[in-house]
Every structure is written in structure tokens, then in C-alpha cells.
Amino acid sequence: MTDKPQHLPVEALDEWTAAVCEALDIDRESVDVALLLNLARDVAHGVARPAAPLSAYLAGLAAGRAGGSREDTEAAVATIAELAATWHADDRDS
């Protein structure tokens, strides 16, 4: 076991984001953290908590395939958020 904290303090989020962007050669300015966190919240509440990180990954994958711009990310997030807002798993089981 490690002594590292289990959760990232809010004040460290920008530092973490910058480090990941640098490691992955992503333009930091192209990453809208609030947009992605809001997506995760909406999916976690509207679908299921485990669907939140998966949905964020899928939004990034779709955005990258579309060209990778901030607008591409916004479009992918909007699509997923709309789906999450209307998601009723019980209706889909039949």
C-alpha cells in the first residue's frame, strides 16, 4: 500500500492536467476540464457511476477521430450528455 492520497486535491487538478497533456503531447489549451467533469457528473447521475470514465474516454476517442479540436470534443460531449439525460436502462432491457 502507498501513502499517496487516493483523491487528487482540487487545487492540483490543473497541474495534473498539464502533466498529462505534456506526457501525451496534447495542447493544454484544447482541454476543457469543466466540460469533461460535467460530462462525468451527468453520466454518473443519469446512467451509472462506472459509465462516467468510460463515457469520457469515448468522447475523447470520438473527438480524436473527428479531428481532435475543442469543437470536436464539445460535439462528442453534447451527444453523450444528451443520451445520458434521456437514458432509462429499464426501457432498453426489453
C-alpha atoms as a PDB file:
ATOM      1  CA  MET A   1       0.000   0.000   0.000  1.00  0.00           C
ATOM      2  CA  THR A   2       1.150   3.540  -0.633  1.00  0.00           C
ATOM      3  CA  ASP A   3       0.953   6.738   1.393  1.00  0.00           C
ATOM      4  CA  LYS A   4      -0.190   8.705  -1.666  1.00  0.00           C
ATOM      5  CA  PRO A   5      -3.653  10.247  -1.358  1.00  0.00           C
ATOM      6  CA  GLN A   6      -6.485   8.354  -3.031  1.00  0.00           C
ATOM      7  CA  HIS A   7      -8.020  11.531  -4.464  1.00  0.00           C
ATOM      8  CA  LEU A   8      -6.491  14.455  -6.284  1.00  0.00           C
ATOM      9  CA  PRO A   9      -6.974  17.721  -4.380  1.00  0.00           C
ATOM     10  CA  VAL A  10      -8.934  20.263  -6.398  1.00  0.00           C
ATOM     11  CA  GLU A  11      -6.012  22.681  -6.444  1.00  0.00           C
ATOM     12  CA  ALA A  12      -3.811  20.040  -8.072  1.00  0.00           C
ATOM     13  CA  LEU A  13      -6.178  19.380 -10.988  1.00  0.00           C
ATOM     14  CA  ASP A  14      -4.587  21.974 -13.284  1.00  0.00           C
ATOM     15  CA  GLU A  15      -1.102  20.659 -12.524  1.00  0.00           C
ATOM     16  CA  TRP A  16      -2.206  17.075 -13.218  1.00  0.00           C
ATOM     17  CA  THR A  17      -3.946  18.080 -16.446  1.00  0.00           C
ATOM     18  CA  ALA A  18      -0.856  19.946 -17.648  1.00  0.00           C
ATOM     19  CA  ALA A  19       1.384  16.981 -16.824  1.00  0.00           C
ATOM     20  CA  VAL A  20      -0.853  14.508 -18.663  1.00  0.00           C
ATOM     21  CA  CYS A  21      -1.143  16.829 -21.660  1.00  0.00           C
ATOM     22  CA  GLU A  22       2.636  17.155 -21.795  1.00  0.00           C
ATOM     23  CA  ALA A  23       3.144  13.395 -21.480  1.00  0.00           C
ATOM     24  CA  LEU A  24       0.645  12.711 -24.267  1.00  0.00           C
ATOM     25  CA  ASP A  25       1.720  15.649 -26.448  1.00  0.00           C
ATOM     26  CA  ILE A  26      -1.705  17.287 -26.228  1.00  0.00           C
ATOM     27  CA  ASP A  27      -2.183  21.047 -26.415  1.00  0.00           C
ATOM     28  CA  ARG A  28      -3.318  22.000 -22.893  1.00  0.00           C
ATOM     29  CA  GLU A  29      -5.478  24.790 -24.303  1.00  0.00           C
ATOM     30  CA  SER A  30      -7.526  22.216 -26.209  1.00  0.00           C
ATOM     31  CA  VAL A  31      -8.657  20.520 -22.990  1.00  0.00           C
ATOM     32  CA  ASP A  32     -11.840  21.852 -21.385  1.00  0.00           C
ATOM     33  CA  VAL A  33     -11.655  20.317 -17.928  1.00  0.00           C
ATOM     34  CA  ALA A  34     -15.024  21.689 -16.776  1.00  0.00           C
ATOM     35  CA  LEU A  35     -16.743  20.265 -19.862  1.00  0.00           C
ATOM     36  CA  LEU A  36     -15.353  16.791 -19.189  1.00  0.00           C
ATOM     37  CA  LEU A  37     -16.075  16.899 -15.463  1.00  0.00           C
ATOM     38  CA  ASN A  38     -19.640  17.969 -16.172  1.00  0.00           C
ATOM     39  CA  LEU A  39     -19.991  15.087 -18.614  1.00  0.00           C
ATOM     40  CA  ALA A  40     -18.729  12.650 -15.989  1.00  0.00           C
ATOM     41  CA  ARG A  41     -21.187  14.051 -13.438  1.00  0.00           C
ATOM     42  CA  ASP A  42     -24.134  13.868 -15.845  1.00  0.00           C
ATOM     43  CA  VAL A  43     -23.355  10.300 -16.879  1.00  0.00           C
ATOM     44  CA  ALA A  44     -22.687   9.187 -13.299  1.00  0.00           C
ATOM     45  CA  HIS A  45     -26.060  10.524 -12.179  1.00  0.00           C
ATOM     46  CA  GLY A  46     -28.058   9.711 -15.297  1.00  0.00           C
ATOM     47  CA  VAL A  47     -26.655   6.300 -16.180  1.00  0.00           C
ATOM     48  CA  ALA A  48     -24.248   4.803 -13.606  1.00  0.00           C
ATOM     49  CA  ARG A  49     -21.025   5.837 -11.887  1.00  0.00           C
ATOM     50  CA  PRO A  50     -18.859   3.321 -13.778  1.00  0.00           C
ATOM     51  CA  ALA A  51     -20.179   4.745 -17.053  1.00  0.00           C
ATOM     52  CA  ALA A  52     -18.610   8.148 -16.324  1.00  0.00           C
ATOM     53  CA  PRO A  53     -14.924   7.375 -17.059  1.00  0.00           C
ATOM     54  CA  LEU A  54     -15.907   5.130 -19.943  1.00  0.00           C
ATOM     55  CA  SER A  55     -18.011   7.918 -21.445  1.00  0.00           C
ATOM     56  CA  ALA A  56     -15.181  10.434 -21.048  1.00  0.00           C
ATOM     57  CA  TYR A  57     -12.869   8.039 -22.870  1.00  0.00           C
ATOM     58  CA  LEU A  58     -15.401   7.504 -25.651  1.00  0.00           C
ATOM     59  CA  ALA A  59     -15.900  11.269 -26.002  1.00  0.00           C
ATOM     60  CA  GLY A  60     -12.143  11.676 -26.412  1.00  0.00           C
ATOM     61  CA  LEU A  61     -11.965   8.837 -28.895  1.00  0.00           C
ATOM     62  CA  ALA A  62     -14.807  10.297 -30.963  1.00  0.00           C
ATOM     63  CA  ALA A  63     -13.309  13.778 -30.809  1.00  0.00           C
ATOM     64  CA  GLY A  64      -9.918  12.479 -31.909  1.00  0.00           C
ATOM     65  CA  ARG A  65     -11.425  10.613 -34.826  1.00  0.00           C
ATOM     66  CA  ALA A  66     -13.332  13.736 -35.853  1.00  0.00           C
ATOM     67  CA  GLY A  67     -10.162  15.827 -35.901  1.00  0.00           C
ATOM     68  CA  GLY A  68      -9.356  16.487 -32.263  1.00  0.00           C
ATOM     69  CA  SER A  69     -10.374  20.129 -31.974  1.00  0.00           C
ATOM     70  CA  ARG A  70     -12.045  21.627 -28.936  1.00  0.00           C
ATOM     71  CA  GLU A  71     -15.220  21.855 -31.024  1.00  0.00           C
ATOM     72  CA  ASP A  72     -14.981  18.139 -31.857  1.00  0.00           C
ATOM     73  CA  THR A  73     -14.792  17.402 -28.141  1.00  0.00           C
ATOM     74  CA  GLU A  74     -17.752  19.662 -27.415  1.00  0.00           C
ATOM     75  CA  ALA A  75     -19.813  17.873 -30.077  1.00  0.00           C
ATOM     76  CA  ALA A  76     -18.956  14.416 -28.727  1.00  0.00           C
ATOM     77  CA  VAL A  77     -19.709  15.505 -25.161  1.00  0.00           C
ATOM     78  CA  ALA A  78     -23.023  17.037 -26.220  1.00  0.00           C
ATOM     79  CA  THR A  79     -24.058  13.793 -27.900  1.00  0.00           C
ATOM     80  CA  ILE A  80     -23.209  11.699 -24.849  1.00  0.00           C
ATOM     81  CA  ALA A  81     -24.768  14.176 -22.396  1.00  0.00           C
ATOM     82  CA  GLU A  82     -27.995  14.201 -24.401  1.00  0.00           C
ATOM     83  CA  LEU A  83     -28.075  10.407 -24.388  1.00  0.00           C
ATOM     84  CA  ALA A  84     -27.382  10.309 -20.639  1.00  0.00           C
ATOM     85  CA  ALA A  85     -30.182  12.805 -19.956  1.00  0.00           C
ATOM     86  CA  THR A  86     -32.711  10.520 -21.603  1.00  0.00           C
ATOM     87  CA  TRP A  87     -31.228   7.179 -20.571  1.00  0.00           C
ATOM     88  CA  HIS A  88     -33.556   4.664 -18.970  1.00  0.00           C
ATOM     89  CA  ALA A  89     -31.785   1.314 -18.716  1.00  0.00           C
ATOM     90  CA  ASP A  90     -35.033  -0.458 -17.795  1.00  0.00           C
ATOM     91  CA  ASP A  91     -36.543   0.552 -21.159  1.00  0.00           C
ATOM     92  CA  ARG A  92     -33.580  -0.932 -23.004  1.00  0.00           C
ATOM     93  CA  ASP A  93     -33.714  -4.345 -21.319  1.00  0.00           C
ATOM     94  CA  SER A  94     -36.831  -5.415 -23.194  1.00  0.00           C
END
